[in-house]
Amino acid sequence: MKPQLFAVDLILLCVSCGASALATSVLAASTSSPSANITSLGTAHRFGKDESAPSKSRRKRFISQNDMIAILDYHNKVRGRVFPPASNMEYMVWDDTLAKTAEDW
């Protein structure tokens, strides 16, 4: 896999899996001792005893402007590689109304 495509795939995977939300939750739950915090969060998360761990329920995820651009660029790049190539493929643009509808769904 090409390095630049791997980076985009990795970013999209992190966004779709909610890695940014998990990182935010872990940072918000941090204490004064970073090494103790990592150990206690890791142990508690494995055994399901951590009260501050993110719940498994569905929650809103913030998509930054840079994330939107990366998602659209990757999507348009993949759409451009169809075979046979489209003669007049229009580029997708971000629609906030559609994003809100999808989020509510």
PDB file of N, CA and C in Angstrom:
ATOM      1  N   MET A   1       0.849  -1.175   0.000  1.00  0.00           N
ATOM      2  CA  MET A   1       0.000   0.000   0.000  1.00  0.00           C
ATOM      3  C   MET A   1       0.895   1.237   0.000  1.00  0.00           C
ATOM      4  N   LYS A   2       0.491   2.244  -0.737  1.00  0.00           N
ATOM      5  CA  LYS A   2       1.276   3.464  -0.815  1.00  0.00           C
ATOM      6  C   LYS A   2       1.247   4.189   0.528  1.00  0.00           C
ATOM      7  N   PRO A   3       2.387   4.785   0.937  1.00  0.00           N
ATOM      8  CA  PRO A   3       2.451   5.440   2.257  1.00  0.00           C
ATOM      9  C   PRO A   3       1.412   6.538   2.447  1.00  0.00           C
ATOM     10  N   GLN A   4       1.186   7.375   1.428  1.00  0.00           N
ATOM     11  CA  GLN A   4       0.226   8.464   1.615  1.00  0.00           C
ATOM     12  C   GLN A   4      -1.198   7.932   1.743  1.00  0.00           C
ATOM     13  N   LEU A   5      -1.516   6.836   1.062  1.00  0.00           N
ATOM     14  CA  LEU A   5      -2.851   6.251   1.201  1.00  0.00           C
ATOM     15  C   LEU A   5      -3.007   5.565   2.545  1.00  0.00           C
ATOM     16  N   PHE A   6      -1.930   4.971   3.034  1.00  0.00           N
ATOM     17  CA  PHE A   6      -1.973   4.328   4.339  1.00  0.00           C
ATOM     18  C   PHE A   6      -2.294   5.345   5.427  1.00  0.00           C
ATOM     19  N   ALA A   7      -1.683   6.523   5.342  1.00  0.00           N
ATOM     20  CA  ALA A   7      -1.928   7.564   6.346  1.00  0.00           C
ATOM     21  C   ALA A   7      -3.392   8.001   6.325  1.00  0.00           C
ATOM     22  N   VAL A   8      -3.948   8.168   5.144  1.00  0.00           N
ATOM     23  CA  VAL A   8      -5.351   8.577   5.035  1.00  0.00           C
ATOM     24  C   VAL A   8      -6.255   7.469   5.558  1.00  0.00           C
ATOM     25  N   ASP A   9      -5.948   6.213   5.192  1.00  0.00           N
ATOM     26  CA  ASP A   9      -6.738   5.084   5.694  1.00  0.00           C
ATOM     27  C   ASP A   9      -6.698   5.023   7.212  1.00  0.00           C
ATOM     28  N   LEU A  10      -5.528   5.262   7.780  1.00  0.00           N
ATOM     29  CA  LEU A  10      -5.375   5.234   9.229  1.00  0.00           C
ATOM     30  C   LEU A  10      -6.191   6.338   9.890  1.00  0.00           C
ATOM     31  N   ILE A  11      -6.162   7.527   9.316  1.00  0.00           N
ATOM     32  CA  ILE A  11      -6.941   8.646   9.864  1.00  0.00           C
ATOM     33  C   ILE A  11      -8.433   8.317   9.807  1.00  0.00           C
ATOM     34  N   LEU A  12      -8.881   7.812   8.668  1.00  0.00           N
ATOM     35  CA  LEU A  12     -10.299   7.474   8.532  1.00  0.00           C
ATOM     36  C   LEU A  12     -10.707   6.366   9.488  1.00  0.00           C
ATOM     37  N   LEU A  13      -9.825   5.399   9.686  1.00  0.00           N
ATOM     38  CA  LEU A  13     -10.116   4.324  10.625  1.00  0.00           C
ATOM     39  C   LEU A  13     -10.250   4.866  12.041  1.00  0.00           C
ATOM     40  N   CYS A  14      -9.338   5.757  12.422  1.00  0.00           N
ATOM     41  CA  CYS A  14      -9.396   6.346  13.765  1.00  0.00           C
ATOM     42  C   CYS A  14     -10.672   7.158  13.954  1.00  0.00           C
ATOM     43  N   VAL A  15     -11.037   7.926  12.942  1.00  0.00           N
ATOM     44  CA  VAL A  15     -12.252   8.735  13.036  1.00  0.00           C
ATOM     45  C   VAL A  15     -13.481   7.843  13.121  1.00  0.00           C
ATOM     46  N   SER A  16     -13.533   6.819  12.277  1.00  0.00           N
ATOM     47  CA  SER A  16     -14.717   5.962  12.269  1.00  0.00           C
ATOM     48  C   SER A  16     -14.843   5.109  13.520  1.00  0.00           C
ATOM     49  N   CYS A  17     -13.713   4.780  14.142  1.00  0.00           N
ATOM     50  CA  CYS A  17     -13.757   3.948  15.348  1.00  0.00           C
ATOM     51  C   CYS A  17     -13.910   4.773  16.614  1.00  0.00           C
ATOM     52  N   GLY A  18     -13.873   6.076  16.505  1.00  0.00           N
ATOM     53  CA  GLY A  18     -14.033   6.924  17.677  1.00  0.00           C
ATOM     54  C   GLY A  18     -12.776   7.019  18.513  1.00  0.00           C
ATOM     55  N   ALA A  19     -11.618   6.842  17.893  1.00  0.00           N
ATOM     56  CA  ALA A  19     -10.367   6.904  18.644  1.00  0.00           C
ATOM     57  C   ALA A  19     -10.171   8.281  19.260  1.00  0.00           C
ATOM     58  N   SER A  20     -10.622   9.321  18.581  1.00  0.00           N
ATOM     59  CA  SER A  20     -10.466  10.657  19.135  1.00  0.00           C
ATOM     60  C   SER A  20     -11.332  10.827  20.376  1.00  0.00           C
ATOM     61  N   ALA A  21     -12.518  10.230  20.380  1.00  0.00           N
ATOM     62  CA  ALA A  21     -13.385  10.309  21.557  1.00  0.00           C
ATOM     63  C   ALA A  21     -12.783   9.534  22.716  1.00  0.00           C
ATOM     64  N   LEU A  22     -12.182   8.385  22.425  1.00  0.00           N
ATOM     65  CA  LEU A  22     -11.540   7.589  23.466  1.00  0.00           C
ATOM     66  C   LEU A  22     -10.345   8.333  24.041  1.00  0.00           C
ATOM     67  N   ALA A  23      -9.536   8.937  23.176  1.00  0.00           N
ATOM     68  CA  ALA A  23      -8.374   9.685  23.644  1.00  0.00           C
ATOM     69  C   ALA A  23      -8.809  10.857  24.512  1.00  0.00           C
ATOM     70  N   THR A  24      -9.880  11.524  24.134  1.00  0.00           N
ATOM     71  CA  THR A  24     -10.398  12.634  24.926  1.00  0.00           C
ATOM     72  C   THR A  24     -10.848  12.151  26.294  1.00  0.00           C
ATOM     73  N   SER A  25     -11.525  11.009  26.349  1.00  0.00           N
ATOM     74  CA  SER A  25     -11.995  10.461  27.622  1.00  0.00           C
ATOM     75  C   SER A  25     -10.838  10.075  28.519  1.00  0.00           C
ATOM     76  N   VAL A  26      -9.807   9.472  27.938  1.00  0.00           N
ATOM     77  CA  VAL A  26      -8.645   9.063  28.724  1.00  0.00           C
ATOM     78  C   VAL A  26      -7.916  10.282  29.255  1.00  0.00           C
ATOM     79  N   LEU A  27      -7.771  11.327  28.418  1.00  0.00           N
ATOM     80  CA  LEU A  27      -7.097  12.538  28.868  1.00  0.00           C
ATOM     81  C   LEU A  27      -7.908  13.252  29.944  1.00  0.00           C
ATOM     82  N   ALA A  28      -9.217  13.250  29.816  1.00  0.00           N
ATOM     83  CA  ALA A  28     -10.060  13.917  30.804  1.00  0.00           C
ATOM     84  C   ALA A  28     -10.000  13.203  32.147  1.00  0.00           C
ATOM     85  N   ALA A  29      -9.763  11.902  32.129  1.00  0.00           N
ATOM     86  CA  ALA A  29      -9.736  11.127  33.362  1.00  0.00           C
ATOM     87  C   ALA A  29      -8.337  11.062  33.974  1.00  0.00           C
ATOM     88  N   SER A  30      -7.389  11.779  33.386  1.00  0.00           N
ATOM     89  CA  SER A  30      -6.008  11.669  33.859  1.00  0.00           C
ATOM     90  C   SER A  30      -5.841  12.290  35.243  1.00  0.00           C
ATOM     91  N   THR A  31      -4.851  11.772  35.963  1.00  0.00           N
ATOM     92  CA  THR A  31      -4.534  12.278  37.290  1.00  0.00           C
ATOM     93  C   THR A  31      -3.149  12.885  37.265  1.00  0.00           C
ATOM     94  N   SER A  32      -2.613  13.212  38.437  1.00  0.00           N
ATOM     95  CA  SER A  32      -1.308  13.854  38.493  1.00  0.00           C
ATOM     96  C   SER A  32      -0.170  12.894  38.180  1.00  0.00           C
ATOM     97  N   SER A  33      -0.354  11.608  38.355  1.00  0.00           N
ATOM     98  CA  SER A  33       0.696  10.629  38.096  1.00  0.00           C
ATOM     99  C   SER A  33       0.420   9.902  36.785  1.00  0.00           C
ATOM    100  N   PRO A  34       1.094  10.299  35.704  1.00  0.00           N
ATOM    101  CA  PRO A  34       0.800   9.700  34.408  1.00  0.00           C
ATOM    102  C   PRO A  34       1.037   8.196  34.357  1.00  0.00           C
ATOM    103  N   SER A  35       2.116   7.687  34.967  1.00  0.00           N
ATOM    104  CA  SER A  35       2.390   6.250  34.879  1.00  0.00           C
ATOM    105  C   SER A  35       1.351   5.446  35.660  1.00  0.00           C
ATOM    106  N   ALA A  36       0.936   5.947  36.813  1.00  0.00           N
ATOM    107  CA  ALA A  36      -0.090   5.256  37.592  1.00  0.00           C
ATOM    108  C   ALA A  36      -1.420   5.292  36.849  1.00  0.00           C
ATOM    109  N   ASN A  37      -1.686   6.404  36.182  1.00  0.00           N
ATOM    110  CA  ASN A  37      -2.934   6.552  35.448  1.00  0.00           C
ATOM    111  C   ASN A  37      -3.026   5.555  34.301  1.00  0.00           C
ATOM    112  N   ILE A  38      -1.953   5.400  33.549  1.00  0.00           N
ATOM    113  CA  ILE A  38      -1.964   4.473  32.422  1.00  0.00           C
ATOM    114  C   ILE A  38      -2.194   3.057  32.920  1.00  0.00           C
ATOM    115  N   THR A  39      -1.516   2.674  33.988  1.00  0.00           N
ATOM    116  CA  THR A  39      -1.671   1.330  34.527  1.00  0.00           C
ATOM    117  C   THR A  39      -3.088   1.111  35.039  1.00  0.00           C
ATOM    118  N   SER A  40      -3.602   2.058  35.814  1.00  0.00           N
ATOM    119  CA  SER A  40      -4.928   1.864  36.393  1.00  0.00           C
ATOM    120  C   SER A  40      -6.016   1.889  35.326  1.00  0.00           C
ATOM    121  N   LEU A  41      -5.896   2.768  34.331  1.00  0.00           N
ATOM    122  CA  LEU A  41      -6.896   2.803  33.274  1.00  0.00           C
ATOM    123  C   LEU A  41      -6.856   1.529  32.448  1.00  0.00           C
ATOM    124  N   GLY A  42      -5.653   1.051  32.131  1.00  0.00           N
ATOM    125  CA  GLY A  42      -5.533  -0.173  31.342  1.00  0.00           C
ATOM    126  C   GLY A  42      -6.089  -1.366  32.076  1.00  0.00           C
ATOM    127  N   THR A  43      -5.781  -1.508  33.351  1.00  0.00           N
ATOM    128  CA  THR A  43      -6.266  -2.637  34.139  1.00  0.00           C
ATOM    129  C   THR A  43      -7.774  -2.553  34.312  1.00  0.00           C
ATOM    130  N   ALA A  44      -8.277  -1.383  34.661  1.00  0.00           N
ATOM    131  CA  ALA A  44      -9.711  -1.225  34.885  1.00  0.00           C
ATOM    132  C   ALA A  44     -10.489  -1.433  33.593  1.00  0.00           C
ATOM    133  N   HIS A  45      -9.937  -0.974  32.489  1.00  0.00           N
ATOM    134  CA  HIS A  45     -10.637  -1.128  31.216  1.00  0.00           C
ATOM    135  C   HIS A  45     -10.750  -2.601  30.831  1.00  0.00           C
ATOM    136  N   ARG A  46      -9.701  -3.367  31.095  1.00  0.00           N
ATOM    137  CA  ARG A  46      -9.736  -4.790  30.762  1.00  0.00           C
ATOM    138  C   ARG A  46     -10.792  -5.527  31.565  1.00  0.00           C
ATOM    139  N   PHE A  47     -10.973  -5.154  32.820  1.00  0.00           N
ATOM    140  CA  PHE A  47     -11.905  -5.858  33.684  1.00  0.00           C
ATOM    141  C   PHE A  47     -13.257  -5.168  33.782  1.00  0.00           C
ATOM    142  N   GLY A  48     -13.430  -4.047  33.085  1.00  0.00           N
ATOM    143  CA  GLY A  48     -14.715  -3.364  33.052  1.00  0.00           C
ATOM    144  C   GLY A  48     -15.090  -2.697  34.356  1.00  0.00           C
ATOM    145  N   LYS A  49     -14.112  -2.278  35.158  1.00  0.00           N
ATOM    146  CA  LYS A  49     -14.409  -1.699  36.464  1.00  0.00           C
ATOM    147  C   LYS A  49     -14.210  -0.191  36.501  1.00  0.00           C
ATOM    148  N   ASP A  50     -13.792   0.407  35.410  1.00  0.00           N
ATOM    149  CA  ASP A  50     -13.484   1.832  35.410  1.00  0.00           C
ATOM    150  C   ASP A  50     -14.752   2.639  35.156  1.00  0.00           C
ATOM    151  N   GLU A  51     -15.118   3.464  36.110  1.00  0.00           N
ATOM    152  CA  GLU A  51     -16.320   4.286  35.996  1.00  0.00           C
ATOM    153  C   GLU A  51     -16.146   5.388  34.955  1.00  0.00           C
ATOM    154  N   SER A  52     -14.893   5.860  34.743  1.00  0.00           N
ATOM    155  CA  SER A  52     -14.666   6.973  33.833  1.00  0.00           C
ATOM    156  C   SER A  52     -14.453   6.522  32.394  1.00  0.00           C
ATOM    157  N   ALA A  53     -14.432   5.223  32.126  1.00  0.00           N
ATOM    158  CA  ALA A  53     -14.241   4.729  30.761  1.00  0.00           C
ATOM    159  C   ALA A  53     -15.458   5.095  29.920  1.00  0.00           C
ATOM    160  N   PRO A  54     -15.234   5.363  28.637  1.00  0.00           N
ATOM    161  CA  PRO A  54     -16.373   5.711  27.791  1.00  0.00           C
ATOM    162  C   PRO A  54     -17.348   4.546  27.689  1.00  0.00           C
ATOM    163  N   SER A  55     -18.617   4.869  27.710  1.00  0.00           N
ATOM    164  CA  SER A  55     -19.632   3.819  27.645  1.00  0.00           C
ATOM    165  C   SER A  55     -19.696   3.253  26.233  1.00  0.00           C
ATOM    166  N   LYS A  56     -20.321   2.102  26.114  1.00  0.00           N
ATOM    167  CA  LYS A  56     -20.455   1.460  24.812  1.00  0.00           C
ATOM    168  C   LYS A  56     -21.625   2.038  24.018  1.00  0.00           C
ATOM    169  N   SER A  57     -22.383   2.936  24.623  1.00  0.00           N
ATOM    170  CA  SER A  57     -23.524   3.515  23.922  1.00  0.00           C
ATOM    171  C   SER A  57     -23.046   4.467  22.825  1.00  0.00           C
ATOM    172  N   ARG A  58     -23.932   4.727  21.897  1.00  0.00           N
ATOM    173  CA  ARG A  58     -23.603   5.606  20.784  1.00  0.00           C
ATOM    174  C   ARG A  58     -23.547   7.046  21.274  1.00  0.00           C
ATOM    175  N   ARG A  59     -22.565   7.777  20.817  1.00  0.00           N
ATOM    176  CA  ARG A  59     -22.429   9.173  21.230  1.00  0.00           C
ATOM    177  C   ARG A  59     -21.997  10.017  20.032  1.00  0.00           C
ATOM    178  N   LYS A  60     -22.200  11.313  20.151  1.00  0.00           N
ATOM    179  CA  LYS A  60     -21.805  12.217  19.077  1.00  0.00           C
ATOM    180  C   LYS A  60     -20.291  12.287  19.004  1.00  0.00           C
ATOM    181  N   ARG A  61     -19.790  12.330  17.785  1.00  0.00           N
ATOM    182  CA  ARG A  61     -18.358  12.473  17.572  1.00  0.00           C
ATOM    183  C   ARG A  61     -18.123  13.774  16.829  1.00  0.00           C
ATOM    184  N   PHE A  62     -17.151  14.521  17.295  1.00  0.00           N
ATOM    185  CA  PHE A  62     -16.809  15.778  16.653  1.00  0.00           C
ATOM    186  C   PHE A  62     -15.939  15.488  15.442  1.00  0.00           C
ATOM    187  N   ILE A  63     -16.310  16.020  14.287  1.00  0.00           N
ATOM    188  CA  ILE A  63     -15.501  15.893  13.081  1.00  0.00           C
ATOM    189  C   ILE A  63     -14.980  17.284  12.759  1.00  0.00           C
ATOM    190  N   SER A  64     -13.680  17.435  12.855  1.00  0.00           N
ATOM    191  CA  SER A  64     -13.071  18.744  12.620  1.00  0.00           C
ATOM    192  C   SER A  64     -13.064  19.069  11.128  1.00  0.00           C
ATOM    193  N   GLN A  65     -12.747  20.308  10.817  1.00  0.00           N
ATOM    194  CA  GLN A  65     -12.665  20.745   9.422  1.00  0.00           C
ATOM    195  C   GLN A  65     -11.600  19.945   8.679  1.00  0.00           C
ATOM    196  N   ASN A  66     -10.468  19.677   9.332  1.00  0.00           N
ATOM    197  CA  ASN A  66      -9.407  18.883   8.701  1.00  0.00           C
ATOM    198  C   ASN A  66      -9.872  17.455   8.440  1.00  0.00           C
ATOM    199  N   ASP A  67     -10.642  16.880   9.369  1.00  0.00           N
ATOM    200  CA  ASP A  67     -11.187  15.535   9.163  1.00  0.00           C
ATOM    201  C   ASP A  67     -12.141  15.517   7.968  1.00  0.00           C
ATOM    202  N   MET A  68     -12.988  16.542   7.873  1.00  0.00           N
ATOM    203  CA  MET A  68     -13.926  16.623   6.753  1.00  0.00           C
ATOM    204  C   MET A  68     -13.177  16.658   5.424  1.00  0.00           C
ATOM    205  N   ILE A  69     -12.130  17.473   5.368  1.00  0.00           N
ATOM    206  CA  ILE A  69     -11.345  17.594   4.138  1.00  0.00           C
ATOM    207  C   ILE A  69     -10.678  16.268   3.798  1.00  0.00           C
ATOM    208  N   ALA A  70     -10.106  15.604   4.808  1.00  0.00           N
ATOM    209  CA  ALA A  70      -9.436  14.320   4.572  1.00  0.00           C
ATOM    210  C   ALA A  70     -10.426  13.266   4.084  1.00  0.00           C
ATOM    211  N   ILE A  71     -11.602  13.214   4.698  1.00  0.00           N
ATOM    212  CA  ILE A  71     -12.623  12.244   4.294  1.00  0.00           C
ATOM    213  C   ILE A  71     -13.071  12.509   2.858  1.00  0.00           C
ATOM    214  N   LEU A  72     -13.358  13.766   2.546  1.00  0.00           N
ATOM    215  CA  LEU A  72     -13.817  14.098   1.195  1.00  0.00           C
ATOM    216  C   LEU A  72     -12.740  13.856   0.152  1.00  0.00           C
ATOM    217  N   ASP A  73     -11.493  14.242   0.448  1.00  0.00           N
ATOM    218  CA  ASP A  73     -10.398  14.018  -0.503  1.00  0.00           C
ATOM    219  C   ASP A  73     -10.222  12.535  -0.790  1.00  0.00           C
ATOM    220  N   TYR A  74     -10.240  11.729   0.263  1.00  0.00           N
ATOM    221  CA  TYR A  74     -10.075  10.290   0.083  1.00  0.00           C
ATOM    222  C   TYR A  74     -11.255   9.703  -0.696  1.00  0.00           C
ATOM    223  N   HIS A  75     -12.454  10.106  -0.346  1.00  0.00           N
ATOM    224  CA  HIS A  75     -13.645   9.595  -1.030  1.00  0.00           C
ATOM    225  C   HIS A  75     -13.623   9.962  -2.513  1.00  0.00           C
ATOM    226  N   ASN A  76     -13.298  11.218  -2.812  1.00  0.00           N
ATOM    227  CA  ASN A  76     -13.253  11.649  -4.207  1.00  0.00           C
ATOM    228  C   ASN A  76     -12.138  10.943  -4.975  1.00  0.00           C
ATOM    229  N   LYS A  77     -11.019  10.681  -4.306  1.00  0.00           N
ATOM    230  CA  LYS A  77      -9.912   9.970  -4.946  1.00  0.00           C
ATOM    231  C   LYS A  77     -10.330   8.538  -5.290  1.00  0.00           C
ATOM    232  N   VAL A  78     -10.997   7.870  -4.362  1.00  0.00           N
ATOM    233  CA  VAL A  78     -11.439   6.492  -4.600  1.00  0.00           C
ATOM    234  C   VAL A  78     -12.520   6.459  -5.681  1.00  0.00           C
ATOM    235  N   ARG A  79     -13.433   7.406  -5.655  1.00  0.00           N
ATOM    236  CA  ARG A  79     -14.479   7.466  -6.686  1.00  0.00           C
ATOM    237  C   ARG A  79     -13.885   7.710  -8.060  1.00  0.00           C
ATOM    238  N   GLY A  80     -12.757   8.417  -8.111  1.00  0.00           N
ATOM    239  CA  GLY A  80     -12.107   8.704  -9.391  1.00  0.00           C
ATOM    240  C   GLY A  80     -11.412   7.500  -9.996  1.00  0.00           C
ATOM    241  N   ARG A  81     -11.262   6.427  -9.224  1.00  0.00           N
ATOM    242  CA  ARG A  81     -10.560   5.240  -9.715  1.00  0.00           C
ATOM    243  C   ARG A  81     -11.497   4.148 -10.227  1.00  0.00           C
ATOM    244  N   VAL A  82     -12.748   4.459 -10.456  1.00  0.00           N
ATOM    245  CA  VAL A  82     -13.678   3.440 -10.939  1.00  0.00           C
ATOM    246  C   VAL A  82     -13.296   3.013 -12.346  1.00  0.00           C
ATOM    247  N   PHE A  83     -13.666   1.796 -12.704  1.00  0.00           N
ATOM    248  CA  PHE A  83     -13.366   1.313 -14.041  1.00  0.00           C
ATOM    249  C   PHE A  83     -14.656   0.876 -14.692  1.00  0.00           C
ATOM    250  N   PRO A  84     -15.002   1.308 -15.840  1.00  0.00           N
ATOM    251  CA  PRO A  84     -14.290   2.299 -16.644  1.00  0.00           C
ATOM    252  C   PRO A  84     -14.443   3.690 -16.030  1.00  0.00           C
ATOM    253  N   PRO A  85     -13.468   4.554 -16.265  1.00  0.00           N
ATOM    254  CA  PRO A  85     -13.509   5.884 -15.647  1.00  0.00           C
ATOM    255  C   PRO A  85     -14.740   6.681 -16.092  1.00  0.00           C
ATOM    256  N   ALA A  86     -15.297   7.400 -15.154  1.00  0.00           N
ATOM    257  CA  ALA A  86     -16.459   8.235 -15.465  1.00  0.00           C
ATOM    258  C   ALA A  86     -16.008   9.443 -16.272  1.00  0.00           C
ATOM    259  N   SER A  87     -16.824   9.853 -17.210  1.00  0.00           N
ATOM    260  CA  SER A  87     -16.434  10.981 -18.060  1.00  0.00           C
ATOM    261  C   SER A  87     -16.684  12.325 -17.377  1.00  0.00           C
ATOM    262  N   ASN A  88     -17.637  12.376 -16.460  1.00  0.00           N
ATOM    263  CA  ASN A  88     -17.969  13.650 -15.824  1.00  0.00           C
ATOM    264  C   ASN A  88     -18.283  13.421 -14.344  1.00  0.00           C
ATOM    265  N   MET A  89     -17.320  12.881 -13.604  1.00  0.00           N
ATOM    266  CA  MET A  89     -17.526  12.578 -12.181  1.00  0.00           C
ATOM    267  C   MET A  89     -17.461  13.876 -11.385  1.00  0.00           C
ATOM    268  N   GLU A  90     -18.547  14.209 -10.704  1.00  0.00           N
ATOM    269  CA  GLU A  90     -18.562  15.410  -9.875  1.00  0.00           C
ATOM    270  C   GLU A  90     -17.938  15.104  -8.526  1.00  0.00           C
ATOM    271  N   TYR A  91     -17.274  16.104  -7.952  1.00  0.00           N
ATOM    272  CA  TYR A  91     -16.664  15.928  -6.639  1.00  0.00           C
ATOM    273  C   TYR A  91     -17.718  16.074  -5.557  1.00  0.00           C
ATOM    274  N   MET A  92     -17.584  15.262  -4.544  1.00  0.00           N
ATOM    275  CA  MET A  92     -18.477  15.364  -3.399  1.00  0.00           C
ATOM    276  C   MET A  92     -18.053  16.543  -2.535  1.00  0.00           C
ATOM    277  N   VAL A  93     -19.003  17.219  -1.938  1.00  0.00           N
ATOM    278  CA  VAL A  93     -18.724  18.301  -0.992  1.00  0.00           C
ATOM    279  C   VAL A  93     -19.454  17.985   0.307  1.00  0.00           C
ATOM    280  N   TRP A  94     -18.980  18.552   1.403  1.00  0.00           N
ATOM    281  CA  TRP A  94     -19.578  18.294   2.713  1.00  0.00           C
ATOM    282  C   TRP A  94     -20.889  19.050   2.830  1.00  0.00           C
ATOM    283  N   ASP A  95     -21.924  18.373   3.281  1.00  0.00           N
ATOM    284  CA  ASP A  95     -23.242  18.973   3.480  1.00  0.00           C
ATOM    285  C   ASP A  95     -23.580  18.867   4.968  1.00  0.00           C
ATOM    286  N   ASP A  96     -23.604  20.006   5.651  1.00  0.00           N
ATOM    287  CA  ASP A  96     -23.864  20.003   7.094  1.00  0.00           C
ATOM    288  C   ASP A  96     -25.253  19.465   7.436  1.00  0.00           C
ATOM    289  N   THR A  97     -26.245  19.747   6.591  1.00  0.00           N
ATOM    290  CA  THR A  97     -27.600  19.252   6.840  1.00  0.00           C
ATOM    291  C   THR A  97     -27.641  17.732   6.761  1.00  0.00           C
ATOM    292  N   LEU A  98     -26.987  17.188   5.753  1.00  0.00           N
ATOM    293  CA  LEU A  98     -26.931  15.734   5.605  1.00  0.00           C
ATOM    294  C   LEU A  98     -26.141  15.097   6.747  1.00  0.00           C
ATOM    295  N   ALA A  99     -25.065  15.754   7.166  1.00  0.00           N
ATOM    296  CA  ALA A  99     -24.275  15.244   8.293  1.00  0.00           C
ATOM    297  C   ALA A  99     -25.117  15.227   9.566  1.00  0.00           C
ATOM    298  N   LYS A 100     -25.906  16.267   9.790  1.00  0.00           N
ATOM    299  CA  LYS A 100     -26.778  16.335  10.969  1.00  0.00           C
ATOM    300  C   LYS A 100     -27.840  15.242  10.917  1.00  0.00           C
ATOM    301  N   THR A 101     -28.417  15.013   9.737  1.00  0.00           N
ATOM    302  CA  THR A 101     -29.425  13.968   9.573  1.00  0.00           C
ATOM    303  C   THR A 101     -28.825  12.597   9.861  1.00  0.00           C
ATOM    304  N   ALA A 102     -27.635  12.348   9.334  1.00  0.00           N
ATOM    305  CA  ALA A 102     -26.965  11.066   9.570  1.00  0.00           C
ATOM    306  C   ALA A 102     -26.623  10.897  11.043  1.00  0.00           C
ATOM    307  N   GLU A 103     -26.228  11.976  11.690  1.00  0.00           N
ATOM    308  CA  GLU A 103     -25.887  11.928  13.113  1.00  0.00           C
ATOM    309  C   GLU A 103     -27.121  11.610  13.956  1.00  0.00           C
ATOM    310  N   ASP A 104     -28.252  12.213  13.615  1.00  0.00           N
ATOM    311  CA  ASP A 104     -29.490  11.978  14.355  1.00  0.00           C
ATOM    312  C   ASP A 104     -30.024  10.568  14.146  1.00  0.00           C
ATOM    313  N   TRP A 105     -29.755  10.023  12.977  1.00  0.00           N
ATOM    314  CA  TRP A 105     -30.238   8.684  12.656  1.00  0.00           C
ATOM    315  C   TRP A 105     -29.557   7.673  13.525  1.00  0.00           C
TER     316      TRP A 105
END
